[in-house]
Protein backbone atom coordinates (compact mmCIF):
# COMPACT_ATOMS: atom_id res chain seq x y z
CA MET A 1 0.08 0.03 -0.14
CA LYS A 2 2.68 2.38 0.82
CA LYS A 3 4.09 1.62 -2.99
CA GLY A 4 1.03 3.20 -4.07
CA LYS A 5 0.47 6.15 -1.75
CA GLU A 6 4.20 7.21 -3.00
CA ILE A 7 3.42 6.63 -6.66
CA ASP A 8 0.41 8.73 -6.80
CA LYS A 9 2.15 11.75 -4.23
CA GLN A 10 4.88 11.48 -7.48
CA LYS A 11 2.76 11.56 -10.47
CA LYS A 12 0.30 15.17 -8.24
CA ILE A 13 4.03 16.88 -7.89
CA ALA A 14 4.95 15.68 -11.74
CA LYS A 15 1.93 17.37 -13.08
CA GLU A 16 2.60 20.38 -10.66
CA ARG A 17 5.32 20.66 -12.29
CA ILE A 18 4.81 20.25 -15.92
CA ALA A 19 2.07 22.89 -15.57
CA ILE A 20 5.06 25.52 -14.31
CA LEU A 21 7.39 24.17 -17.25
CA PHE A 22 4.74 25.13 -19.67
CA GLN A 23 3.94 28.87 -18.14
CA LYS A 24 7.54 29.71 -17.96
CA ALA A 25 7.92 28.18 -21.47
CA GLU A 26 4.64 30.75 -22.70
CA GLU A 27 6.60 33.50 -20.22
CA THR A 28 10.08 33.02 -21.89
CA PHE A 29 9.29 32.08 -25.72
CA PRO A 30 9.52 35.50 -26.84
CA LYS A 31 12.68 36.07 -25.53
CA ASP A 32 14.30 32.85 -25.83
CA ALA A 33 12.58 30.60 -27.67
CA ALA A 34 15.55 27.68 -27.12
CA ARG A 35 14.22 27.65 -23.48
CA ALA A 36 11.02 27.39 -24.25
CA ASN A 37 11.86 24.45 -26.51
CA ARG A 38 13.39 23.37 -23.62
CA TYR A 39 10.80 23.61 -21.10
CA GLY A 40 8.55 21.71 -23.93
CA ASP A 41 10.82 18.98 -23.86
CA LEU A 42 11.32 18.66 -19.65
CA ALA A 43 7.77 18.64 -19.40
CA ARG A 44 7.50 15.56 -21.89
CA ARG A 45 9.99 13.64 -20.61
CA ILE A 46 8.44 14.62 -16.85
CA ALA A 47 5.27 12.52 -18.10
CA MET A 48 7.05 10.12 -20.33
CA LYS A 49 8.74 8.79 -16.99
CA LEU A 50 5.61 8.42 -14.49
CA ASN A 51 3.24 7.52 -17.81
CA LEU A 52 1.55 10.37 -17.65
CA HIS A 53 -0.36 11.83 -19.85
CA LEU A 54 -0.56 15.43 -21.02
CA SER A 55 -3.80 17.48 -21.53
CA LYS A 56 -5.66 18.22 -24.78
CA GLU A 57 -3.71 22.09 -24.47
CA GLN A 58 0.08 20.79 -23.43
CA LYS A 59 -0.07 18.57 -26.09
CA HIS A 60 -1.13 21.25 -28.60
CA LYS A 61 1.40 23.74 -27.66
CA LEU A 62 4.66 20.93 -28.87
CA CYS A 63 5.23 20.29 -32.46
CA LYS A 64 4.05 16.13 -32.86
CA HIS A 65 7.41 16.03 -34.81
CA CYS A 66 10.46 18.15 -33.53
CA TYR A 67 8.56 18.78 -29.69
CA SER A 68 8.95 22.33 -30.16
CA PHE A 69 7.05 24.68 -28.40
CA LEU A 70 4.73 26.15 -30.42
CA GLN A 71 3.37 29.65 -29.98
CA GLN A 72 0.83 30.59 -33.04
CA GLY A 73 1.88 33.16 -35.62
CA VAL A 74 5.04 32.60 -34.44
CA ASN A 75 6.39 29.36 -35.13
CA ALA A 76 3.37 27.95 -35.73
CA THR A 77 0.78 28.31 -38.00
CA THR A 78 -3.57 26.93 -37.31
CA ARG A 79 -6.16 26.96 -40.09
CA ILE A 80 -9.82 24.56 -39.90
CA ARG A 81 -10.21 23.03 -43.05
CA ASP A 82 -12.49 19.85 -43.86
CA SER A 83 -13.62 19.56 -40.20
CA LYS A 84 -9.43 19.30 -38.84
CA ILE A 85 -7.91 21.52 -37.37
CA ILE A 86 -4.41 21.54 -38.56
CA THR A 87 -1.40 23.21 -37.27
CA PHE A 88 1.68 23.89 -39.29
CA CYS A 89 4.89 24.02 -37.23
CA LYS A 90 7.56 25.99 -39.05
CA THR A 91 11.07 24.99 -37.44
CA CYS A 92 9.93 21.30 -39.11
CA LYS A 93 7.87 22.26 -42.10
CA LYS A 94 5.51 19.59 -41.32
CA TYR A 95 1.25 19.78 -40.66
CA SER A 96 -0.20 17.63 -37.76
CA ARG A 97 -4.13 17.58 -38.17
CA ILE A 98 -6.54 17.36 -35.22
CA PRO A 99 -10.30 15.70 -36.22
CA LEU A 100 -12.90 18.07 -35.14
CA THR A 101 -15.89 15.71 -33.93
CA LYS A 102 -19.35 16.98 -32.61
CA LYS A 103 -18.56 16.16 -29.58
CA THR A 104 -14.72 19.28 -29.40
CA LEU A 105 -17.60 21.68 -31.44
CA LYS A 106 -19.89 21.41 -28.11
CA LYS A 107 -17.00 21.88 -26.09
CA ARG A 108 -15.57 24.96 -28.04
CA VAL A 109 -18.83 26.46 -28.51
């Protein structure tokens, strides 16, 4: 039983750290994009180490291909086409497509 409680405590701390790292990445991106990318990479590694899932907002802020931190209008372009959200990463020149379903449309409205 003790191990389960310790793992829950570690996961709670990890979620807090991941949230802090994404917040720091947003703050530092205009000044230093490399540091923001590093914060995103650290958050991703913490999540992988403890087998945690990033939230949808956090997932969409990282490029699926090069794992760089995405800031809309600066190093990423987002468009909606054929019921998909298409995000173009300007650093690796690749697209990521997120399907829009009736559930996600209701949540966004």
